[in-house]
Amino acid sequence: MIGRGRVLGLLCGALMAAGCSGNSPVLPGDAPQGVEGRVWLGPQCPVQPSDGSCPDAPYSAVLDLQTAGGAHVTRLRSDTEGRFRAGLRPGRYRMVPRNGDPFPHASPVDFTVEAGRWLEIEILFDTGIR
């Protein structure tokens, strides 16, 4: 008879192995390729001065990463400087920003990850300020 602790250990090991089966498009942070970038929030002023004294601000946002076919891959959150990074297998993807109601609002971004390359993208959330 197998003890309860041994059964739990075997079950946990099997679940971990299933999660590492290589089917997931997400790779570790030291992956040779993936997507990285910045998220911005703007405009910040009702009238944009021509001297650039009212730049867009970095934005901490929730981003849903999907395959090109719309299947959920993972959820990311940009940091307080608006930066995000995800190691990914080569393929076509879509980054879907989680929008406010109605603002801030950003459009999805379609992109392709190539083997051995990090793709840099920017996402701009519209504040609705006019």
N, C-alpha and C. Protein backbone atom coordinates (compact mmCIF):
# COMPACT_ATOMS: atom_id res chain seq x y z
N MET A 1 0.84 -1.17 0.00
CA MET A 1 0.00 0.00 0.00
C MET A 1 0.89 1.25 0.00
N ILE A 2 0.53 2.22 -0.82
CA ILE A 2 1.27 3.48 -0.91
C ILE A 2 0.68 4.45 0.10
N GLY A 3 1.56 5.11 0.85
CA GLY A 3 1.10 6.08 1.85
C GLY A 3 0.55 7.35 1.21
N ARG A 4 -0.26 8.07 1.99
CA ARG A 4 -0.91 9.29 1.50
C ARG A 4 0.13 10.32 1.04
N GLY A 5 1.22 10.49 1.79
CA GLY A 5 2.26 11.45 1.42
C GLY A 5 2.91 11.09 0.09
N ARG A 6 3.11 9.80 -0.13
CA ARG A 6 3.72 9.33 -1.39
C ARG A 6 2.77 9.58 -2.55
N VAL A 7 1.48 9.35 -2.36
CA VAL A 7 0.49 9.59 -3.42
C VAL A 7 0.46 11.07 -3.78
N LEU A 8 0.45 11.95 -2.76
CA LEU A 8 0.45 13.38 -3.02
C LEU A 8 1.72 13.81 -3.74
N GLY A 9 2.84 13.24 -3.35
CA GLY A 9 4.10 13.55 -4.01
C GLY A 9 4.09 13.14 -5.48
N LEU A 10 3.57 11.94 -5.76
CA LEU A 10 3.49 11.48 -7.14
C LEU A 10 2.53 12.34 -7.96
N LEU A 11 1.40 12.72 -7.36
CA LEU A 11 0.41 13.56 -8.04
C LEU A 11 1.01 14.93 -8.35
N CYS A 12 1.69 15.52 -7.39
CA CYS A 12 2.31 16.83 -7.62
C CYS A 12 3.37 16.74 -8.71
N GLY A 13 4.16 15.68 -8.68
CA GLY A 13 5.18 15.50 -9.71
C GLY A 13 4.57 15.35 -11.09
N ALA A 14 3.46 14.61 -11.19
CA ALA A 14 2.80 14.42 -12.47
C ALA A 14 2.22 15.74 -12.98
N LEU A 15 1.63 16.53 -12.09
CA LEU A 15 1.06 17.82 -12.50
C LEU A 15 2.15 18.77 -12.97
N MET A 16 3.29 18.78 -12.28
CA MET A 16 4.40 19.65 -12.68
C MET A 16 4.94 19.22 -14.03
N ALA A 17 5.05 17.92 -14.25
CA ALA A 17 5.55 17.43 -15.53
C ALA A 17 4.59 17.80 -16.65
N ALA A 18 3.30 17.70 -16.41
CA ALA A 18 2.31 18.07 -17.42
C ALA A 18 2.41 19.54 -17.77
N GLY A 19 2.66 20.37 -16.79
CA GLY A 19 2.78 21.81 -17.03
C GLY A 19 4.06 22.16 -17.76
N CYS A 20 5.03 21.27 -17.78
CA CYS A 20 6.30 21.53 -18.44
C CYS A 20 6.46 20.68 -19.69
N SER A 21 5.36 20.29 -20.30
CA SER A 21 5.39 19.36 -21.42
C SER A 21 5.90 19.97 -22.70
N GLY A 22 6.12 21.30 -22.75
CA GLY A 22 6.62 21.90 -23.96
C GLY A 22 5.51 22.39 -24.87
N ASN A 23 4.26 22.22 -24.50
CA ASN A 23 3.15 22.67 -25.33
C ASN A 23 2.85 24.14 -25.15
N SER A 24 3.23 24.72 -24.05
CA SER A 24 2.94 26.12 -23.78
C SER A 24 3.83 27.02 -24.64
N PRO A 25 3.25 28.10 -25.21
CA PRO A 25 4.07 29.04 -25.96
C PRO A 25 4.97 29.90 -25.07
N VAL A 26 4.68 29.94 -23.76
CA VAL A 26 5.44 30.79 -22.84
C VAL A 26 6.75 30.09 -22.46
N LEU A 27 7.84 30.87 -22.54
CA LEU A 27 9.17 30.37 -22.20
C LEU A 27 9.71 31.14 -21.01
N PRO A 28 10.76 30.64 -20.35
CA PRO A 28 11.35 31.37 -19.23
C PRO A 28 11.91 32.73 -19.67
N GLY A 29 12.14 33.60 -18.70
CA GLY A 29 12.63 34.95 -18.96
C GLY A 29 13.95 35.01 -19.70
N ASP A 30 14.77 33.95 -19.61
CA ASP A 30 16.05 33.95 -20.31
C ASP A 30 15.94 33.31 -21.70
N ALA A 31 14.73 33.23 -22.22
CA ALA A 31 14.48 32.63 -23.53
C ALA A 31 15.21 33.42 -24.62
N PRO A 32 15.51 32.76 -25.74
CA PRO A 32 16.21 33.46 -26.82
C PRO A 32 15.31 34.38 -27.64
N GLN A 33 14.00 34.31 -27.43
CA GLN A 33 13.09 35.18 -28.17
C GLN A 33 11.82 35.43 -27.37
N GLY A 34 11.08 36.46 -27.81
CA GLY A 34 9.83 36.80 -27.15
C GLY A 34 9.41 38.20 -27.52
N VAL A 35 8.59 38.79 -26.65
CA VAL A 35 8.10 40.15 -26.86
C VAL A 35 8.38 40.97 -25.61
N GLU A 36 8.74 42.23 -25.82
CA GLU A 36 8.95 43.16 -24.72
C GLU A 36 8.52 44.53 -25.20
N GLY A 37 8.31 45.43 -24.26
CA GLY A 37 7.94 46.76 -24.69
C GLY A 37 7.51 47.66 -23.56
N ARG A 38 6.84 48.73 -23.95
CA ARG A 38 6.38 49.74 -23.00
C ARG A 38 4.92 50.05 -23.26
N VAL A 39 4.26 50.45 -22.18
CA VAL A 39 2.86 50.88 -22.24
C VAL A 39 2.84 52.35 -21.83
N TRP A 40 2.12 53.15 -22.61
CA TRP A 40 2.04 54.59 -22.38
C TRP A 40 0.59 55.02 -22.22
N LEU A 41 0.40 56.09 -21.47
CA LEU A 41 -0.92 56.67 -21.23
C LEU A 41 -0.89 58.12 -21.68
N GLY A 42 -1.74 58.47 -22.64
CA GLY A 42 -1.74 59.84 -23.12
C GLY A 42 -2.99 60.13 -23.94
N PRO A 43 -3.27 61.34 -24.25
CA PRO A 43 -2.50 62.51 -23.85
C PRO A 43 -2.70 62.82 -22.36
N GLN A 44 -1.74 63.55 -21.82
CA GLN A 44 -1.77 63.93 -20.41
C GLN A 44 -2.32 65.34 -20.21
N CYS A 45 -2.39 66.12 -21.29
CA CYS A 45 -2.86 67.51 -21.21
C CYS A 45 -3.99 67.71 -22.21
N PRO A 46 -4.94 68.60 -21.90
CA PRO A 46 -6.05 68.84 -22.83
C PRO A 46 -5.61 69.46 -24.15
N VAL A 47 -4.54 70.19 -24.13
CA VAL A 47 -3.98 70.77 -25.34
C VAL A 47 -2.51 70.37 -25.37
N GLN A 48 -2.12 69.63 -26.42
CA GLN A 48 -0.74 69.17 -26.53
C GLN A 48 0.16 70.31 -27.01
N PRO A 49 1.06 70.80 -26.16
CA PRO A 49 1.97 71.86 -26.58
C PRO A 49 2.98 71.35 -27.61
N SER A 50 3.36 72.20 -28.54
CA SER A 50 4.29 71.79 -29.60
C SER A 50 5.72 71.59 -29.08
N ASP A 51 6.01 72.09 -27.88
CA ASP A 51 7.37 71.96 -27.34
C ASP A 51 7.62 70.62 -26.63
N GLY A 52 6.62 69.73 -26.61
CA GLY A 52 6.80 68.42 -25.99
C GLY A 52 6.81 68.43 -24.48
N SER A 53 6.29 69.51 -23.87
CA SER A 53 6.34 69.63 -22.41
C SER A 53 5.25 68.83 -21.69
N CYS A 54 4.45 68.09 -22.43
CA CYS A 54 3.40 67.27 -21.81
C CYS A 54 3.42 65.87 -22.44
N PRO A 55 4.49 65.11 -22.17
CA PRO A 55 4.62 63.79 -22.81
C PRO A 55 3.66 62.75 -22.21
N ASP A 56 3.45 61.68 -22.97
CA ASP A 56 2.69 60.55 -22.46
C ASP A 56 3.42 59.98 -21.25
N ALA A 57 2.68 59.35 -20.35
CA ALA A 57 3.25 58.80 -19.12
C ALA A 57 3.31 57.27 -19.18
N PRO A 58 4.33 56.67 -18.55
CA PRO A 58 4.35 55.21 -18.45
C PRO A 58 3.10 54.75 -17.71
N TYR A 59 2.61 53.56 -18.04
CA TYR A 59 1.34 53.10 -17.49
C TYR A 59 1.43 51.63 -17.10
N SER A 60 1.00 51.31 -15.89
CA SER A 60 0.92 49.93 -15.43
C SER A 60 -0.43 49.37 -15.86
N ALA A 61 -0.40 48.45 -16.81
CA ALA A 61 -1.64 47.94 -17.41
C ALA A 61 -1.66 46.41 -17.38
N VAL A 62 -2.86 45.86 -17.49
CA VAL A 62 -3.04 44.42 -17.64
C VAL A 62 -3.16 44.14 -19.13
N LEU A 63 -2.36 43.16 -19.59
CA LEU A 63 -2.32 42.81 -21.00
C LEU A 63 -2.58 41.31 -21.14
N ASP A 64 -3.57 40.96 -21.94
CA ASP A 64 -3.85 39.55 -22.21
C ASP A 64 -3.13 39.14 -23.48
N LEU A 65 -2.27 38.14 -23.37
CA LEU A 65 -1.53 37.63 -24.52
C LEU A 65 -2.29 36.44 -25.07
N GLN A 66 -2.56 36.47 -26.37
CA GLN A 66 -3.31 35.42 -27.04
C GLN A 66 -2.54 34.92 -28.26
N THR A 67 -2.89 33.72 -28.72
CA THR A 67 -2.39 33.27 -30.02
C THR A 67 -3.12 34.08 -31.08
N ALA A 68 -2.64 34.02 -32.32
CA ALA A 68 -3.31 34.73 -33.41
C ALA A 68 -4.75 34.25 -33.58
N GLY A 69 -5.03 33.00 -33.18
CA GLY A 69 -6.37 32.45 -33.28
C GLY A 69 -7.27 32.82 -32.11
N GLY A 70 -6.74 33.56 -31.12
CA GLY A 70 -7.55 34.02 -30.01
C GLY A 70 -7.49 33.17 -28.75
N ALA A 71 -6.67 32.12 -28.73
CA ALA A 71 -6.55 31.29 -27.53
C ALA A 71 -5.70 32.01 -26.48
N HIS A 72 -6.13 31.93 -25.23
CA HIS A 72 -5.40 32.56 -24.12
C HIS A 72 -4.03 31.92 -23.96
N VAL A 73 -2.98 32.76 -23.85
CA VAL A 73 -1.62 32.29 -23.60
C VAL A 73 -1.23 32.61 -22.17
N THR A 74 -1.30 33.89 -21.80
CA THR A 74 -0.97 34.31 -20.44
C THR A 74 -1.45 35.75 -20.24
N ARG A 75 -1.41 36.19 -19.02
CA ARG A 75 -1.75 37.57 -18.67
C ARG A 75 -0.49 38.23 -18.13
N LEU A 76 -0.20 39.42 -18.63
CA LEU A 76 0.96 40.19 -18.20
C LEU A 76 0.50 41.47 -17.52
N ARG A 77 1.36 42.04 -16.71
CA ARG A 77 1.12 43.37 -16.15
C ARG A 77 2.39 44.16 -16.36
N SER A 78 2.25 45.31 -17.00
CA SER A 78 3.42 46.17 -17.14
C SER A 78 3.73 46.79 -15.78
N ASP A 79 5.02 47.08 -15.55
CA ASP A 79 5.42 47.63 -14.26
C ASP A 79 5.12 49.13 -14.20
N THR A 80 5.54 49.78 -13.14
CA THR A 80 5.23 51.20 -12.95
C THR A 80 5.90 52.08 -14.00
N GLU A 81 6.92 51.56 -14.67
CA GLU A 81 7.57 52.28 -15.77
C GLU A 81 6.98 51.88 -17.11
N GLY A 82 5.91 51.07 -17.09
CA GLY A 82 5.24 50.66 -18.31
C GLY A 82 5.91 49.50 -19.04
N ARG A 83 6.92 48.89 -18.45
CA ARG A 83 7.67 47.83 -19.12
C ARG A 83 7.03 46.45 -18.91
N PHE A 84 7.12 45.64 -19.96
CA PHE A 84 6.68 44.24 -19.87
C PHE A 84 7.62 43.39 -20.72
N ARG A 85 7.65 42.08 -20.44
CA ARG A 85 8.53 41.16 -21.16
C ARG A 85 7.98 39.75 -21.00
N ALA A 86 7.96 38.99 -22.09
CA ALA A 86 7.52 37.59 -22.04
C ALA A 86 8.30 36.78 -23.06
N GLY A 87 8.97 35.73 -22.59
CA GLY A 87 9.62 34.79 -23.49
C GLY A 87 8.55 33.95 -24.17
N LEU A 88 8.64 33.80 -25.50
CA LEU A 88 7.62 33.08 -26.26
C LEU A 88 8.26 32.21 -27.34
N ARG A 89 7.57 31.14 -27.67
CA ARG A 89 7.98 30.33 -28.82
C ARG A 89 7.69 31.14 -30.09
N PRO A 90 8.43 30.87 -31.16
CA PRO A 90 8.14 31.56 -32.42
C PRO A 90 6.68 31.32 -32.84
N GLY A 91 6.06 32.37 -33.37
CA GLY A 91 4.68 32.25 -33.82
C GLY A 91 4.00 33.60 -33.88
N ARG A 92 2.72 33.58 -34.25
CA ARG A 92 1.92 34.80 -34.34
C ARG A 92 1.07 34.94 -33.09
N TYR A 93 1.02 36.16 -32.56
CA TYR A 93 0.32 36.45 -31.31
C TYR A 93 -0.47 37.74 -31.41
N ARG A 94 -1.28 37.97 -30.40
CA ARG A 94 -2.04 39.22 -30.25
C ARG A 94 -1.98 39.64 -28.79
N MET A 95 -1.61 40.92 -28.56
CA MET A 95 -1.62 41.50 -27.23
C MET A 95 -2.92 42.30 -27.11
N VAL A 96 -3.74 41.93 -26.13
CA VAL A 96 -5.03 42.58 -25.95
C VAL A 96 -5.03 43.34 -24.62
N PRO A 97 -4.95 44.67 -24.69
CA PRO A 97 -4.97 45.48 -23.47
C PRO A 97 -6.34 45.40 -22.79
N ARG A 98 -6.34 45.36 -21.48
CA ARG A 98 -7.59 45.40 -20.70
C ARG A 98 -7.97 46.87 -20.55
N ASN A 99 -9.07 47.26 -21.16
CA ASN A 99 -9.50 48.66 -21.22
C ASN A 99 -10.40 49.05 -20.07
N GLY A 100 -10.45 50.37 -19.84
CA GLY A 100 -11.41 50.93 -18.89
C GLY A 100 -12.76 51.05 -19.58
N ASP A 101 -13.70 51.67 -18.90
CA ASP A 101 -15.05 51.81 -19.45
C ASP A 101 -15.50 53.25 -19.37
N PRO A 102 -15.30 54.10 -20.32
CA PRO A 102 -14.75 53.82 -21.64
C PRO A 102 -13.25 54.07 -21.74
N PHE A 103 -12.65 54.79 -20.79
CA PHE A 103 -11.22 55.10 -20.86
C PHE A 103 -10.50 54.63 -19.61
N PRO A 104 -9.21 54.41 -19.67
CA PRO A 104 -8.36 54.49 -20.84
C PRO A 104 -8.62 53.33 -21.80
N HIS A 105 -8.28 53.54 -23.05
CA HIS A 105 -8.55 52.55 -24.09
C HIS A 105 -7.33 52.37 -24.99
N ALA A 106 -7.01 51.12 -25.30
CA ALA A 106 -5.94 50.79 -26.24
C ALA A 106 -6.41 49.69 -27.17
N SER A 107 -5.90 49.69 -28.37
CA SER A 107 -6.26 48.67 -29.37
C SER A 107 -5.34 47.47 -29.26
N PRO A 108 -5.83 46.29 -29.64
CA PRO A 108 -4.98 45.09 -29.67
C PRO A 108 -3.83 45.28 -30.66
N VAL A 109 -2.72 44.58 -30.40
CA VAL A 109 -1.55 44.64 -31.27
C VAL A 109 -1.22 43.22 -31.72
N ASP A 110 -1.22 43.00 -33.04
CA ASP A 110 -0.82 41.71 -33.60
C ASP A 110 0.68 41.75 -33.88
N PHE A 111 1.37 40.64 -33.60
CA PHE A 111 2.81 40.61 -33.82
C PHE A 111 3.27 39.17 -34.04
N THR A 112 4.48 39.05 -34.58
CA THR A 112 5.07 37.74 -34.85
C THR A 112 6.43 37.65 -34.15
N VAL A 113 6.62 36.58 -33.41
CA VAL A 113 7.90 36.31 -32.75
C VAL A 113 8.69 35.38 -33.65
N GLU A 114 9.92 35.80 -33.96
CA GLU A 114 10.82 34.99 -34.78
C GLU A 114 11.86 34.33 -33.88
N ALA A 115 12.34 33.18 -34.29
CA ALA A 115 13.34 32.44 -33.52
C ALA A 115 14.58 33.30 -33.32
N GLY A 116 15.05 33.36 -32.06
CA GLY A 116 16.27 34.05 -31.73
C GLY A 116 16.18 35.57 -31.70
N ARG A 117 14.96 36.13 -31.74
CA ARG A 117 14.81 37.59 -31.76
C ARG A 117 13.77 38.04 -30.74
N TRP A 118 14.07 39.15 -30.08
CA TRP A 118 13.11 39.80 -29.19
C TRP A 118 12.47 40.94 -29.95
N LEU A 119 11.14 40.93 -30.00
CA LEU A 119 10.38 41.96 -30.68
C LEU A 119 9.98 43.02 -29.67
N GLU A 120 10.16 44.29 -30.02
CA GLU A 120 9.77 45.38 -29.13
C GLU A 120 8.51 46.05 -29.68
N ILE A 121 7.49 46.17 -28.82
CA ILE A 121 6.25 46.84 -29.21
C ILE A 121 5.89 47.90 -28.18
N GLU A 122 5.08 48.86 -28.59
CA GLU A 122 4.57 49.88 -27.69
C GLU A 122 3.05 49.84 -27.76
N ILE A 123 2.44 50.06 -26.61
CA ILE A 123 0.98 50.10 -26.52
C ILE A 123 0.61 51.46 -25.94
N LEU A 124 -0.27 52.18 -26.62
CA LEU A 124 -0.68 53.50 -26.17
C LEU A 124 -2.13 53.46 -25.73
N PHE A 125 -2.35 53.72 -24.45
CA PHE A 125 -3.71 53.86 -23.91
C PHE A 125 -4.13 55.31 -24.06
N ASP A 126 -5.29 55.52 -24.64
CA ASP A 126 -5.86 56.86 -24.81
C ASP A 126 -6.61 57.23 -23.54
N THR A 127 -6.26 58.39 -22.97
CA THR A 127 -6.90 58.86 -21.74
C THR A 127 -8.28 59.43 -22.00
N GLY A 128 -8.55 59.84 -23.24
CA GLY A 128 -9.82 60.49 -23.55
C GLY A 128 -9.76 62.00 -23.34
N ILE A 129 -8.63 62.51 -22.86
CA ILE A 129 -8.48 63.96 -22.65
C ILE A 129 -8.40 64.63 -24.01
N ARG A 130 -9.23 65.65 -24.19
CA ARG A 130 -9.22 66.40 -25.46
C ARG A 130 -9.20 67.88 -25.21
